[in-house]
């Protein structure tokens, strides 16, 4: 066989191998999509399904609120005189909804399992900083303090970068058993021109999955979803 024919044969083999590899990859993708679409096969009773749906609504709403006050916007705080840093390391939180740490703890503990609730309350950013802590004024009145490390040089809450809106979020519960349920949430891209954090019709949506479990008669989320 001539060198020319050998080269042509090798090229043909390479093309064939690449074609097979591409076909296998596409088949794998298709099979994975089919597996995902058919993985939820458990069918609960009407009573359990209603219970799951009701708890999913409450827990996802609470999840959104925890995300908002801990990672996205924070709670408003009072500035120190002359722009000084707080002596005790905490800015005083100003909120009509959350008056004491007990209010925040109640929200978190009623939404997440114990391990995740503790992480959120004490170390949500992985830096051993509790974003909020109990604060007591000179008169003995309890309040909430915002750790000064969570405030930038312009006095703003150090929020994470996040390009999606929870406004008009869509979610669908997928029961896995009588005591476990995945909740698939679809978020719309954030409208950068809007000051109220509303969503825009343009751009790709984001899909996330929250997991809800029932323990000791109470439904809780296993992780903060965002």
N, C-alpha and C. Protein backbone atom coordinates (compact mmCIF):
# COMPACT_ATOMS: atom_id res chain seq x y z
N UNK A 1 0.86 -1.20 0.00
CA UNK A 1 0.00 0.00 0.00
C UNK A 1 0.89 1.24 0.00
N UNK A 2 0.53 2.22 -0.82
CA UNK A 2 1.34 3.43 -0.90
C UNK A 2 1.16 4.27 0.34
N UNK A 3 2.11 5.17 0.58
CA UNK A 3 2.02 6.08 1.73
C UNK A 3 0.77 6.94 1.64
N UNK A 4 0.41 7.30 0.40
CA UNK A 4 -0.76 8.15 0.20
C UNK A 4 -2.03 7.42 0.63
N UNK A 5 -2.14 6.14 0.21
CA UNK A 5 -3.32 5.36 0.58
C UNK A 5 -3.37 5.08 2.07
N UNK A 6 -2.17 4.84 2.67
CA UNK A 6 -2.10 4.60 4.11
C UNK A 6 -2.60 5.80 4.89
N UNK A 7 -2.17 6.98 4.49
CA UNK A 7 -2.58 8.22 5.16
C UNK A 7 -4.08 8.42 5.04
N UNK A 8 -4.62 8.11 3.86
CA UNK A 8 -6.06 8.27 3.66
C UNK A 8 -6.84 7.30 4.54
N UNK A 9 -6.30 6.06 4.65
CA UNK A 9 -6.96 5.05 5.50
C UNK A 9 -6.96 5.48 6.96
N UNK A 10 -5.80 5.99 7.43
CA UNK A 10 -5.69 6.46 8.82
C UNK A 10 -6.66 7.60 9.08
N UNK A 11 -6.74 8.52 8.13
CA UNK A 11 -7.64 9.67 8.28
C UNK A 11 -9.09 9.20 8.37
N UNK A 12 -9.42 8.20 7.52
CA UNK A 12 -10.79 7.66 7.53
C UNK A 12 -11.12 7.02 8.87
N UNK A 13 -10.14 6.27 9.42
CA UNK A 13 -10.33 5.62 10.71
C UNK A 13 -10.53 6.65 11.82
N UNK A 14 -9.70 7.72 11.79
CA UNK A 14 -9.81 8.78 12.80
C UNK A 14 -11.17 9.44 12.75
N UNK A 15 -11.64 9.75 11.54
CA UNK A 15 -12.95 10.37 11.37
C UNK A 15 -14.04 9.45 11.90
N UNK A 16 -13.91 8.16 11.60
CA UNK A 16 -14.91 7.19 12.05
C UNK A 16 -14.94 7.10 13.57
N UNK A 17 -13.74 7.09 14.19
CA UNK A 17 -13.65 7.02 15.65
C UNK A 17 -14.28 8.25 16.29
N UNK A 18 -13.97 9.43 15.72
CA UNK A 18 -14.54 10.67 16.24
C UNK A 18 -16.06 10.68 16.11
N UNK A 19 -16.55 10.15 14.99
CA UNK A 19 -18.00 10.11 14.78
C UNK A 19 -18.67 9.20 15.81
N UNK A 20 -18.03 8.05 16.08
CA UNK A 20 -18.57 7.12 17.07
C UNK A 20 -18.56 7.76 18.45
N UNK A 21 -17.45 8.45 18.78
CA UNK A 21 -17.33 9.10 20.09
C UNK A 21 -18.40 10.17 20.27
N UNK A 22 -18.62 10.94 19.19
CA UNK A 22 -19.65 11.98 19.25
C UNK A 22 -21.03 11.38 19.45
N UNK A 23 -21.30 10.30 18.72
CA UNK A 23 -22.59 9.62 18.85
C UNK A 23 -22.81 9.09 20.26
N UNK A 24 -21.75 8.46 20.81
CA UNK A 24 -21.84 7.93 22.18
C UNK A 24 -22.08 9.05 23.19
N UNK A 25 -21.40 10.20 22.99
CA UNK A 25 -21.57 11.33 23.90
C UNK A 25 -23.00 11.85 23.86
N UNK A 26 -23.55 11.96 22.64
CA UNK A 26 -24.92 12.45 22.49
C UNK A 26 -25.91 11.46 23.10
N UNK A 27 -25.63 10.15 22.91
CA UNK A 27 -26.49 9.14 23.52
C UNK A 27 -26.43 9.22 25.03
N UNK A 28 -25.21 9.49 25.57
CA UNK A 28 -25.05 9.60 27.02
C UNK A 28 -25.84 10.79 27.55
N UNK A 29 -25.73 11.93 26.84
CA UNK A 29 -26.48 13.11 27.25
C UNK A 29 -27.98 12.84 27.25
N UNK A 30 -28.45 12.19 26.18
CA UNK A 30 -29.87 11.89 26.07
C UNK A 30 -30.32 10.96 27.19
N UNK A 31 -29.49 9.93 27.46
CA UNK A 31 -29.86 8.98 28.51
C UNK A 31 -29.89 9.66 29.87
N UNK A 32 -28.93 10.58 30.11
CA UNK A 32 -28.90 11.29 31.38
C UNK A 32 -30.14 12.16 31.55
N UNK A 33 -30.56 12.82 30.47
CA UNK A 33 -31.77 13.65 30.52
C UNK A 33 -32.99 12.79 30.81
N UNK A 34 -33.04 11.60 30.16
CA UNK A 34 -34.17 10.71 30.38
C UNK A 34 -34.20 10.20 31.81
N UNK A 35 -32.99 9.90 32.36
CA UNK A 35 -32.90 9.43 33.74
C UNK A 35 -33.42 10.51 34.68
N UNK A 36 -32.99 11.77 34.43
CA UNK A 36 -33.42 12.87 35.28
C UNK A 36 -34.93 13.06 35.22
N UNK A 37 -35.49 12.94 34.01
CA UNK A 37 -36.92 13.17 33.84
C UNK A 37 -37.76 12.06 34.48
N UNK A 38 -37.20 10.87 34.58
CA UNK A 38 -37.99 9.74 35.08
C UNK A 38 -37.53 9.28 36.46
N UNK A 39 -36.64 10.03 37.11
CA UNK A 39 -36.09 9.59 38.39
C UNK A 39 -37.09 9.71 39.53
N UNK A 40 -38.08 10.59 39.38
CA UNK A 40 -39.08 10.76 40.43
C UNK A 40 -40.28 9.87 40.13
N UNK A 41 -40.28 8.69 40.72
CA UNK A 41 -41.34 7.72 40.43
C UNK A 41 -42.27 7.49 41.61
N UNK A 42 -41.91 8.03 42.78
CA UNK A 42 -42.74 7.82 43.97
C UNK A 42 -44.03 8.63 43.87
N UNK A 43 -45.14 7.99 44.17
CA UNK A 43 -46.44 8.66 44.14
C UNK A 43 -47.04 8.65 45.54
N UNK A 44 -47.09 9.80 46.20
CA UNK A 44 -47.64 9.86 47.57
C UNK A 44 -49.16 9.86 47.56
N UNK A 45 -49.73 9.66 48.72
CA UNK A 45 -51.18 9.77 48.84
C UNK A 45 -51.57 11.24 48.67
N UNK A 46 -52.84 11.48 48.42
CA UNK A 46 -53.32 12.86 48.24
C UNK A 46 -53.05 13.68 49.50
N UNK A 47 -53.20 13.06 50.65
CA UNK A 47 -52.97 13.77 51.91
C UNK A 47 -51.51 14.17 52.08
N UNK A 48 -50.61 13.23 51.79
CA UNK A 48 -49.17 13.52 51.91
C UNK A 48 -48.75 14.56 50.88
N UNK A 49 -49.28 14.45 49.68
CA UNK A 49 -48.94 15.41 48.62
C UNK A 49 -49.36 16.83 49.02
N UNK A 50 -50.55 16.96 49.58
CA UNK A 50 -51.02 18.27 50.03
C UNK A 50 -50.12 18.81 51.14
N UNK A 51 -49.73 17.94 52.05
CA UNK A 51 -48.85 18.34 53.15
C UNK A 51 -47.51 18.82 52.60
N UNK A 52 -46.97 18.10 51.63
CA UNK A 52 -45.69 18.48 51.01
C UNK A 52 -45.80 19.83 50.32
N UNK A 53 -46.87 20.01 49.56
CA UNK A 53 -47.05 21.27 48.82
C UNK A 53 -47.15 22.47 49.76
N UNK A 54 -47.90 22.32 50.83
CA UNK A 54 -48.07 23.41 51.78
C UNK A 54 -46.75 23.77 52.46
N UNK A 55 -46.00 22.75 52.86
CA UNK A 55 -44.72 23.00 53.52
C UNK A 55 -43.67 23.53 52.54
N UNK A 56 -43.74 23.08 51.29
CA UNK A 56 -42.80 23.58 50.29
C UNK A 56 -42.97 25.08 50.09
N UNK A 57 -44.20 25.54 50.03
CA UNK A 57 -44.47 26.97 49.87
C UNK A 57 -43.85 27.77 51.01
N UNK A 58 -44.09 27.32 52.24
CA UNK A 58 -43.58 28.03 53.42
C UNK A 58 -42.06 28.00 53.48
N UNK A 59 -41.48 26.83 53.26
CA UNK A 59 -40.03 26.69 53.39
C UNK A 59 -39.26 27.43 52.30
N UNK A 60 -39.77 27.42 51.08
CA UNK A 60 -39.09 28.14 50.01
C UNK A 60 -39.19 29.65 50.24
N UNK A 61 -40.32 30.10 50.74
CA UNK A 61 -40.46 31.52 51.09
C UNK A 61 -39.45 31.90 52.17
N UNK A 62 -39.33 31.06 53.19
CA UNK A 62 -38.37 31.32 54.27
C UNK A 62 -36.93 31.24 53.76
N UNK A 63 -36.66 30.28 52.88
CA UNK A 63 -35.33 30.14 52.30
C UNK A 63 -34.93 31.42 51.58
N UNK A 64 -35.87 31.97 50.83
CA UNK A 64 -35.63 33.22 50.11
C UNK A 64 -35.31 34.35 51.07
N UNK A 65 -36.03 34.42 52.19
CA UNK A 65 -35.81 35.47 53.17
C UNK A 65 -34.45 35.32 53.85
N UNK A 66 -34.07 34.10 54.20
CA UNK A 66 -32.76 33.87 54.81
C UNK A 66 -31.65 34.25 53.84
N UNK A 67 -31.80 33.87 52.58
CA UNK A 67 -30.82 34.25 51.57
C UNK A 67 -30.72 35.76 51.47
N UNK A 68 -31.86 36.43 51.51
CA UNK A 68 -31.89 37.89 51.37
C UNK A 68 -31.14 38.58 52.50
N UNK A 69 -31.40 38.16 53.76
CA UNK A 69 -30.81 38.90 54.89
C UNK A 69 -29.38 38.46 55.21
N UNK A 70 -29.00 37.26 54.76
CA UNK A 70 -27.66 36.77 55.08
C UNK A 70 -26.65 36.92 53.95
N UNK A 71 -27.11 36.88 52.70
CA UNK A 71 -26.17 36.89 51.59
C UNK A 71 -26.42 37.97 50.54
N UNK A 72 -27.66 38.36 50.36
CA UNK A 72 -27.96 39.25 49.23
C UNK A 72 -28.03 40.73 49.59
N UNK A 73 -28.82 41.09 50.58
CA UNK A 73 -28.99 42.51 50.91
C UNK A 73 -28.63 42.85 52.35
N UNK A 74 -28.76 41.89 53.25
CA UNK A 74 -28.51 42.17 54.65
C UNK A 74 -29.63 42.99 55.26
N UNK A 75 -29.52 43.24 56.56
CA UNK A 75 -30.48 44.10 57.25
C UNK A 75 -29.89 45.50 57.41
N UNK A 76 -30.73 46.50 57.36
CA UNK A 76 -30.25 47.88 57.52
C UNK A 76 -29.60 48.05 58.89
N UNK A 77 -28.59 48.92 58.93
CA UNK A 77 -27.90 49.14 60.21
C UNK A 77 -27.66 50.62 60.43
N UNK A 78 -27.43 50.96 61.66
CA UNK A 78 -27.19 52.35 62.06
C UNK A 78 -25.71 52.67 61.96
N UNK A 79 -25.40 53.77 61.28
CA UNK A 79 -24.00 54.18 61.14
C UNK A 79 -23.47 54.74 62.45
N UNK A 80 -22.18 54.57 62.67
CA UNK A 80 -21.54 55.14 63.85
C UNK A 80 -21.27 56.63 63.62
N UNK A 81 -21.22 57.44 64.67
CA UNK A 81 -20.93 58.88 64.52
C UNK A 81 -19.59 59.11 63.82
N UNK A 82 -19.58 60.07 62.91
CA UNK A 82 -18.37 60.49 62.19
C UNK A 82 -17.76 59.35 61.36
N UNK A 83 -18.55 58.35 61.05
CA UNK A 83 -18.06 57.26 60.23
C UNK A 83 -17.10 56.33 60.93
N UNK A 84 -17.08 56.38 62.25
CA UNK A 84 -16.18 55.51 63.01
C UNK A 84 -16.64 54.05 62.95
N UNK A 85 -15.71 53.15 63.27
CA UNK A 85 -16.06 51.75 63.39
C UNK A 85 -16.65 51.50 64.77
N UNK A 86 -17.59 50.58 64.89
CA UNK A 86 -18.18 50.31 66.21
C UNK A 86 -17.15 49.73 67.17
N UNK A 87 -17.14 50.22 68.38
CA UNK A 87 -16.15 49.77 69.37
C UNK A 87 -16.29 48.29 69.71
N UNK A 88 -17.52 47.82 69.73
CA UNK A 88 -17.72 46.41 70.08
C UNK A 88 -17.69 45.48 68.87
N UNK A 89 -17.43 46.07 67.68
CA UNK A 89 -17.34 45.26 66.47
C UNK A 89 -18.67 45.00 65.77
N UNK A 90 -19.75 45.61 66.27
CA UNK A 90 -21.07 45.37 65.68
C UNK A 90 -21.82 46.66 65.44
N UNK A 91 -22.41 46.76 64.24
CA UNK A 91 -23.33 47.85 63.95
C UNK A 91 -24.72 47.45 64.45
N UNK A 92 -25.48 48.40 64.93
CA UNK A 92 -26.82 48.12 65.42
C UNK A 92 -27.79 47.99 64.25
N UNK A 93 -28.48 46.86 64.19
CA UNK A 93 -29.44 46.60 63.11
C UNK A 93 -30.73 47.38 63.35
N UNK A 94 -31.27 47.93 62.26
CA UNK A 94 -32.56 48.64 62.32
C UNK A 94 -33.56 47.85 61.48
N UNK A 95 -34.52 47.23 62.14
CA UNK A 95 -35.49 46.40 61.42
C UNK A 95 -36.82 46.36 62.15
N UNK A 96 -37.90 46.50 61.39
CA UNK A 96 -39.24 46.38 61.97
C UNK A 96 -39.65 44.92 62.12
N UNK A 97 -39.01 44.05 61.35
CA UNK A 97 -39.36 42.63 61.37
C UNK A 97 -38.57 41.85 62.41
N UNK A 98 -37.28 42.15 62.49
CA UNK A 98 -36.39 41.42 63.40
C UNK A 98 -35.91 42.35 64.51
N UNK A 99 -36.44 42.15 65.69
CA UNK A 99 -36.11 43.01 66.83
C UNK A 99 -34.95 42.45 67.66
N UNK A 100 -34.90 41.13 67.80
CA UNK A 100 -33.83 40.47 68.57
C UNK A 100 -33.32 39.28 67.78
N UNK A 101 -32.20 38.71 68.24
CA UNK A 101 -31.65 37.54 67.56
C UNK A 101 -32.62 36.38 67.59
N UNK A 102 -33.46 36.35 68.61
CA UNK A 102 -34.44 35.26 68.71
C UNK A 102 -35.36 35.23 67.49
N UNK A 103 -35.63 36.40 66.92
CA UNK A 103 -36.49 36.47 65.73
C UNK A 103 -35.81 35.83 64.52
N UNK A 104 -34.52 36.12 64.36
CA UNK A 104 -33.76 35.53 63.25
C UNK A 104 -33.57 34.04 63.47
N UNK A 105 -33.24 33.66 64.69
CA UNK A 105 -33.03 32.25 65.00
C UNK A 105 -34.29 31.43 64.77
N UNK A 106 -35.43 32.01 65.09
CA UNK A 106 -36.71 31.33 64.87
C UNK A 106 -36.92 31.05 63.39
N UNK A 107 -36.67 32.06 62.56
CA UNK A 107 -36.81 31.90 61.11
C UNK A 107 -35.91 30.78 60.60
N UNK A 108 -34.64 30.82 60.98
CA UNK A 108 -33.66 29.85 60.49
C UNK A 108 -33.97 28.45 61.00
N UNK A 109 -34.23 28.34 62.29
CA UNK A 109 -34.47 27.02 62.89
C UNK A 109 -35.76 26.37 62.42
N UNK A 110 -36.74 27.17 62.03
CA UNK A 110 -38.00 26.62 61.53
C UNK A 110 -37.95 26.31 60.04
N UNK A 111 -36.80 26.60 59.41
CA UNK A 111 -36.67 26.38 57.98
C UNK A 111 -35.70 25.26 57.63
N UNK A 112 -34.62 25.14 58.40
CA UNK A 112 -33.55 24.20 58.05
C UNK A 112 -33.32 23.15 59.13
N UNK A 113 -32.71 22.03 58.71
CA UNK A 113 -32.33 21.01 59.69
C UNK A 113 -31.29 21.61 60.62
N UNK A 114 -31.08 20.97 61.76
CA UNK A 114 -30.25 21.55 62.82
C UNK A 114 -28.84 21.90 62.36
N UNK A 115 -28.19 21.01 61.63
CA UNK A 115 -26.81 21.24 61.19
C UNK A 115 -26.71 22.46 60.28
N UNK A 116 -27.63 22.57 59.33
CA UNK A 116 -27.61 23.69 58.40
C UNK A 116 -27.98 24.99 59.10
N UNK A 117 -28.93 24.93 60.02
CA UNK A 117 -29.32 26.13 60.77
C UNK A 117 -28.12 26.68 61.55
N UNK A 118 -27.37 25.79 62.17
CA UNK A 118 -26.19 26.21 62.93
C UNK A 118 -25.15 26.85 62.01
N UNK A 119 -24.95 26.27 60.82
CA UNK A 119 -23.99 26.83 59.87
C UNK A 119 -24.39 28.23 59.44
N UNK A 120 -25.66 28.42 59.15
CA UNK A 120 -26.15 29.73 58.72
C UNK A 120 -25.98 30.77 59.82
N UNK A 121 -26.32 30.40 61.02
CA UNK A 121 -26.29 31.34 62.14
C UNK A 121 -24.88 31.69 62.59
N UNK A 122 -23.93 30.78 62.42
CA UNK A 122 -22.59 31.00 62.98
C UNK A 122 -21.46 31.10 61.98
N UNK A 123 -21.64 30.55 60.76
CA UNK A 123 -20.49 30.48 59.85
C UNK A 123 -20.94 30.34 58.40
N UNK A 124 -21.87 31.14 57.97
CA UNK A 124 -22.46 30.96 56.65
C UNK A 124 -21.47 31.19 55.51
N UNK A 125 -20.48 32.05 55.72
CA UNK A 125 -19.51 32.35 54.66
C UNK A 125 -18.23 31.54 54.78
N UNK A 126 -18.18 30.64 55.76
CA UNK A 126 -17.00 29.81 55.93
C UNK A 126 -15.81 30.52 56.52
N UNK A 127 -16.04 31.67 57.16
CA UNK A 127 -14.94 32.45 57.74
C UNK A 127 -15.07 32.60 59.25
N UNK A 128 -15.91 31.76 59.85
CA UNK A 128 -16.14 31.77 61.30
C UNK A 128 -16.70 33.10 61.80
N UNK A 129 -17.38 33.82 60.92
CA UNK A 129 -18.02 35.08 61.32
C UNK A 129 -19.53 34.88 61.35
N UNK A 130 -20.13 35.13 62.51
CA UNK A 130 -21.59 35.12 62.61
C UNK A 130 -22.07 36.48 62.12
N UNK A 131 -22.80 36.50 61.03
CA UNK A 131 -23.24 37.76 60.44
C UNK A 131 -23.98 38.62 61.46
N UNK A 132 -24.86 38.00 62.22
CA UNK A 132 -25.63 38.72 63.24
C UNK A 132 -25.39 38.10 64.62
N UNK A 133 -25.47 38.94 65.63
CA UNK A 133 -25.29 38.48 67.01
C UNK A 133 -26.19 39.30 67.93
N UNK A 134 -26.47 38.75 69.10
CA UNK A 134 -27.30 39.48 70.06
C UNK A 134 -26.53 40.67 70.61
N UNK A 135 -27.22 41.78 70.74
CA UNK A 135 -26.62 43.02 71.23
C UNK A 135 -27.49 43.58 72.35
N UNK A 136 -26.86 44.12 73.37
CA UNK A 136 -27.59 44.71 74.50
C UNK A 136 -27.13 46.15 74.70
N UNK A 137 -28.08 47.09 74.74
CA UNK A 137 -27.69 48.49 74.90
C UNK A 137 -27.45 48.83 76.37
N UNK A 138 -27.14 50.09 76.63
CA UNK A 138 -26.81 50.53 78.00
C UNK A 138 -27.98 50.38 78.97
N UNK A 139 -29.19 50.33 78.44
CA UNK A 139 -30.37 50.19 79.29
C UNK A 139 -30.78 48.73 79.47
N UNK A 140 -29.99 47.83 78.88
CA UNK A 140 -30.30 46.41 79.01
C UNK A 140 -31.28 45.88 77.98
N UNK A 141 -31.61 46.70 77.00
CA UNK A 141 -32.53 46.27 75.95
C UNK A 141 -31.78 45.44 74.90
N UNK A 142 -32.36 44.31 74.54
CA UNK A 142 -31.72 43.43 73.56
C UNK A 142 -32.03 43.88 72.14
N UNK A 143 -31.04 43.71 71.28
CA UNK A 143 -31.20 44.04 69.88
C UNK A 143 -30.35 43.11 69.04
N UNK A 144 -30.10 43.50 67.81
CA UNK A 144 -29.29 42.69 66.89
C UNK A 144 -28.09 43.50 66.43
N UNK A 145 -26.93 42.87 66.45
CA UNK A 145 -25.73 43.51 65.95
C UNK A 145 -25.28 42.88 64.64
N UNK A 146 -24.85 43.70 63.70
CA UNK A 146 -24.30 43.24 62.42
C UNK A 146 -22.78 43.32 62.48
N UNK A 147 -22.11 42.20 62.28
CA UNK A 147 -20.65 42.18 62.36
C UNK A 147 -20.06 43.20 61.40
N UNK A 148 -19.13 44.02 61.90
CA UNK A 148 -18.57 45.10 61.07
C UNK A 148 -17.79 44.56 59.88
N UNK A 149 -17.36 43.30 59.93
CA UNK A 149 -16.66 42.70 58.79
C UNK A 149 -17.58 42.46 57.61
N UNK A 150 -18.89 42.56 57.84
CA UNK A 150 -19.86 42.38 56.77
C UNK A 150 -20.26 43.70 56.13
N UNK A 151 -19.58 44.79 56.50
CA UNK A 151 -19.89 46.11 55.96
C UNK A 151 -18.65 46.64 55.23
N UNK A 152 -18.83 47.12 53.99
CA UNK A 152 -17.68 47.62 53.23
C UNK A 152 -17.34 49.05 53.61
N UNK A 153 -16.32 49.60 52.95
CA UNK A 153 -15.84 50.94 53.29
C UNK A 153 -16.86 52.04 53.01
N UNK A 154 -17.87 51.71 52.20
CA UNK A 154 -18.92 52.68 51.90
C UNK A 154 -20.16 52.51 52.78
N UNK A 155 -20.03 51.63 53.77
CA UNK A 155 -21.14 51.42 54.69
C UNK A 155 -22.22 50.50 54.18
N UNK A 156 -21.92 49.76 53.10
CA UNK A 156 -22.91 48.86 52.52
C UNK A 156 -22.64 47.41 52.92
N UNK A 157 -23.70 46.64 52.98
CA UNK A 157 -23.59 45.21 53.29
C UNK A 157 -22.80 44.51 52.20
N UNK A 158 -21.88 43.66 52.59
CA UNK A 158 -21.07 42.92 51.63
C UNK A 158 -21.88 41.76 51.06
N UNK A 159 -22.55 42.02 49.99
CA UNK A 159 -23.42 41.01 49.37
C UNK A 159 -22.63 40.16 48.38
N UNK A 160 -23.09 38.95 48.16
CA UNK A 160 -22.47 38.11 47.15
C UNK A 160 -22.98 38.55 45.78
N UNK A 161 -22.23 38.23 44.74
CA UNK A 161 -22.68 38.54 43.39
C UNK A 161 -23.74 37.51 43.00
N UNK A 162 -24.88 38.01 42.59
CA UNK A 162 -25.99 37.10 42.28
C UNK A 162 -26.85 37.73 41.20
N UNK A 163 -26.97 37.06 40.08
CA UNK A 163 -27.66 37.65 38.94
C UNK A 163 -29.07 37.15 38.70
N UNK A 164 -29.70 36.62 39.75
CA UNK A 164 -31.05 36.07 39.57
C UNK A 164 -32.02 36.61 40.61
N UNK A 165 -33.28 36.65 40.24
CA UNK A 165 -34.31 37.20 41.11
C UNK A 165 -35.23 36.10 41.63
N UNK A 166 -35.60 36.24 42.91
CA UNK A 166 -36.57 35.31 43.50
C UNK A 166 -38.00 35.80 43.30
N UNK A 167 -38.14 37.00 42.74
CA UNK A 167 -39.49 37.50 42.44
C UNK A 167 -40.08 36.65 41.32
N UNK A 168 -41.29 36.19 41.52
CA UNK A 168 -41.99 35.35 40.53
C UNK A 168 -41.28 34.03 40.25
N UNK A 169 -40.54 33.53 41.23
CA UNK A 169 -39.87 32.24 41.07
C UNK A 169 -40.92 31.13 40.95
N UNK A 170 -40.61 30.15 40.12
CA UNK A 170 -41.51 29.00 39.96
C UNK A 170 -40.85 27.79 40.63
N UNK A 171 -41.64 27.00 41.33
CA UNK A 171 -41.06 25.79 41.90
C UNK A 171 -42.05 24.64 41.86
N UNK A 172 -41.48 23.44 41.73
CA UNK A 172 -42.29 22.23 41.63
C UNK A 172 -41.77 21.18 42.59
N UNK A 173 -42.61 20.67 43.51
CA UNK A 173 -42.19 19.60 44.42
C UNK A 173 -42.18 18.25 43.69
N UNK A 174 -41.15 17.45 43.95
CA UNK A 174 -41.05 16.10 43.42
C UNK A 174 -40.85 15.14 44.58
N UNK A 175 -41.90 14.47 45.05
CA UNK A 175 -41.79 13.56 46.18
C UNK A 175 -40.84 12.40 45.89
N UNK A 176 -40.01 12.06 46.87
CA UNK A 176 -39.11 10.91 46.75
C UNK A 176 -39.54 9.79 47.69
N UNK A 177 -40.22 10.15 48.76
CA UNK A 177 -40.80 9.20 49.70
C UNK A 177 -41.81 9.97 50.55
N UNK A 178 -42.38 9.33 51.53
CA UNK A 178 -43.33 10.04 52.40
C UNK A 178 -42.65 11.06 53.30
N UNK A 179 -41.31 10.98 53.39
CA UNK A 179 -40.57 11.88 54.28
C UNK A 179 -39.48 12.67 53.58
N UNK A 180 -39.46 12.64 52.26
CA UNK A 180 -38.44 13.40 51.52
C UNK A 180 -39.01 13.88 50.19
N UNK A 181 -38.61 15.10 49.84
CA UNK A 181 -39.14 15.70 48.62
C UNK A 181 -38.12 16.69 48.06
N UNK A 182 -37.82 16.57 46.77
CA UNK A 182 -37.02 17.58 46.09
C UNK A 182 -37.94 18.70 45.62
N UNK A 183 -37.42 19.91 45.64
CA UNK A 183 -38.18 21.06 45.15
C UNK A 183 -37.33 21.74 44.08
N UNK A 184 -37.75 21.63 42.84
CA UNK A 184 -37.02 22.24 41.72
C UNK A 184 -37.52 23.67 41.54
N UNK A 185 -36.57 24.61 41.62
CA UNK A 185 -36.91 26.04 41.58
C UNK A 185 -36.33 26.67 40.33
N UNK A 186 -37.13 27.46 39.65
CA UNK A 186 -36.67 28.16 38.45
C UNK A 186 -36.64 29.66 38.72
N UNK A 187 -35.45 30.25 38.59
CA UNK A 187 -35.27 31.67 38.86
C UNK A 187 -35.02 32.41 37.55
N UNK A 188 -35.55 33.61 37.46
CA UNK A 188 -35.35 34.45 36.28
C UNK A 188 -34.13 35.35 36.48
N UNK A 189 -33.46 35.73 35.39
CA UNK A 189 -32.32 36.63 35.51
C UNK A 189 -32.73 37.98 36.07
N UNK A 190 -31.84 38.58 36.84
CA UNK A 190 -32.13 39.87 37.47
C UNK A 190 -32.11 40.97 36.44
N UNK A 191 -33.08 41.87 36.52
CA UNK A 191 -33.13 43.02 35.64
C UNK A 191 -32.21 44.09 36.21
N UNK A 192 -31.06 44.28 35.58
CA UNK A 192 -30.06 45.22 36.11
C UNK A 192 -30.55 46.65 36.11
N UNK A 193 -31.57 46.94 35.31
CA UNK A 193 -32.08 48.31 35.24
C UNK A 193 -33.12 48.58 36.31
N UNK A 194 -33.49 47.53 37.06
CA UNK A 194 -34.54 47.69 38.06
C UNK A 194 -33.94 47.82 39.44
N UNK A 195 -34.46 48.74 40.24
CA UNK A 195 -33.95 48.96 41.59
C UNK A 195 -34.63 48.07 42.61
N UNK A 196 -35.73 47.42 42.22
CA UNK A 196 -36.47 46.62 43.20
C UNK A 196 -36.17 45.14 43.12
N UNK A 197 -35.15 44.78 42.33
CA UNK A 197 -34.76 43.38 42.26
C UNK A 197 -35.73 42.52 41.47
N UNK A 198 -36.49 43.14 40.56
CA UNK A 198 -37.44 42.36 39.77
C UNK A 198 -36.72 41.61 38.67
N UNK A 199 -37.43 40.69 38.05
CA UNK A 199 -36.81 39.86 37.03
C UNK A 199 -37.08 40.42 35.64
N UNK A 200 -36.28 39.93 34.70
CA UNK A 200 -36.41 40.36 33.32
C UNK A 200 -36.72 39.16 32.45
N UNK A 201 -37.40 39.38 31.35
CA UNK A 201 -37.74 38.28 30.46
C UNK A 201 -36.53 37.83 29.65
N UNK A 202 -35.50 38.66 29.56
CA UNK A 202 -34.33 38.34 28.77
C UNK A 202 -33.33 37.52 29.57
N UNK A 203 -32.52 36.74 28.85
CA UNK A 203 -31.50 35.94 29.51
C UNK A 203 -32.00 34.57 29.91
N UNK A 204 -31.07 33.73 30.33
CA UNK A 204 -31.41 32.36 30.68
C UNK A 204 -31.87 32.25 32.13
N UNK A 205 -32.81 31.36 32.36
CA UNK A 205 -33.26 31.10 33.72
C UNK A 205 -32.26 30.18 34.42
N UNK A 206 -32.34 30.14 35.73
CA UNK A 206 -31.47 29.27 36.53
C UNK A 206 -32.34 28.28 37.28
N UNK A 207 -31.94 27.02 37.24
CA UNK A 207 -32.70 25.98 37.93
C UNK A 207 -31.87 25.42 39.08
N UNK A 208 -32.45 25.43 40.27
CA UNK A 208 -31.78 24.89 41.44
C UNK A 208 -32.73 23.90 42.12
N UNK A 209 -32.16 23.03 42.93
CA UNK A 209 -32.97 22.03 43.62
C UNK A 209 -32.76 22.10 45.12
N UNK A 210 -33.84 22.26 45.85
CA UNK A 210 -33.81 22.21 47.31
C UNK A 210 -34.33 20.85 47.74
N UNK A 211 -33.85 20.38 48.88
CA UNK A 211 -34.29 19.08 49.38
C UNK A 211 -34.98 19.25 50.72
N UNK A 212 -36.20 18.75 50.82
CA UNK A 212 -37.02 18.90 52.01
C UNK A 212 -37.22 17.53 52.65
N UNK A 213 -36.96 17.44 53.95
CA UNK A 213 -37.12 16.17 54.66
C UNK A 213 -38.02 16.37 55.88
N UNK A 214 -38.63 15.28 56.30
CA UNK A 214 -39.50 15.32 57.47
C UNK A 214 -38.86 14.53 58.60
N UNK A 215 -38.64 15.19 59.73
CA UNK A 215 -38.04 14.54 60.89
C UNK A 215 -38.77 15.03 62.14
N UNK A 216 -39.10 14.11 63.00
CA UNK A 216 -39.83 14.45 64.23
C UNK A 216 -41.12 15.20 63.94
N UNK A 217 -41.74 14.84 62.83
CA UNK A 217 -43.02 15.44 62.47
C UNK A 217 -42.94 16.81 61.83
N UNK A 218 -41.72 17.31 61.57
CA UNK A 218 -41.55 18.65 61.01
C UNK A 218 -40.78 18.59 59.69
N UNK A 219 -41.24 19.37 58.73
CA UNK A 219 -40.53 19.46 57.44
C UNK A 219 -39.47 20.55 57.52
N UNK A 220 -38.27 20.24 57.02
CA UNK A 220 -37.17 21.19 57.01
C UNK A 220 -36.37 21.03 55.71
N UNK A 221 -35.71 22.11 55.30
CA UNK A 221 -34.79 22.05 54.17
C UNK A 221 -33.42 21.59 54.66
N UNK A 222 -32.75 20.78 53.84
CA UNK A 222 -31.43 20.29 54.24
C UNK A 222 -30.33 21.33 54.02
N UNK A 223 -30.50 22.16 53.01
CA UNK A 223 -29.49 23.17 52.69
C UNK A 223 -30.15 24.47 52.24
N UNK A 224 -29.46 25.58 52.45
CA UNK A 224 -29.91 26.85 51.91
C UNK A 224 -29.75 26.80 50.40
N UNK A 225 -30.82 27.03 49.68
CA UNK A 225 -30.80 26.93 48.22
C UNK A 225 -30.75 28.32 47.60
N UNK A 226 -29.81 28.50 46.67
CA UNK A 226 -29.76 29.76 45.91
C UNK A 226 -28.94 29.61 44.64
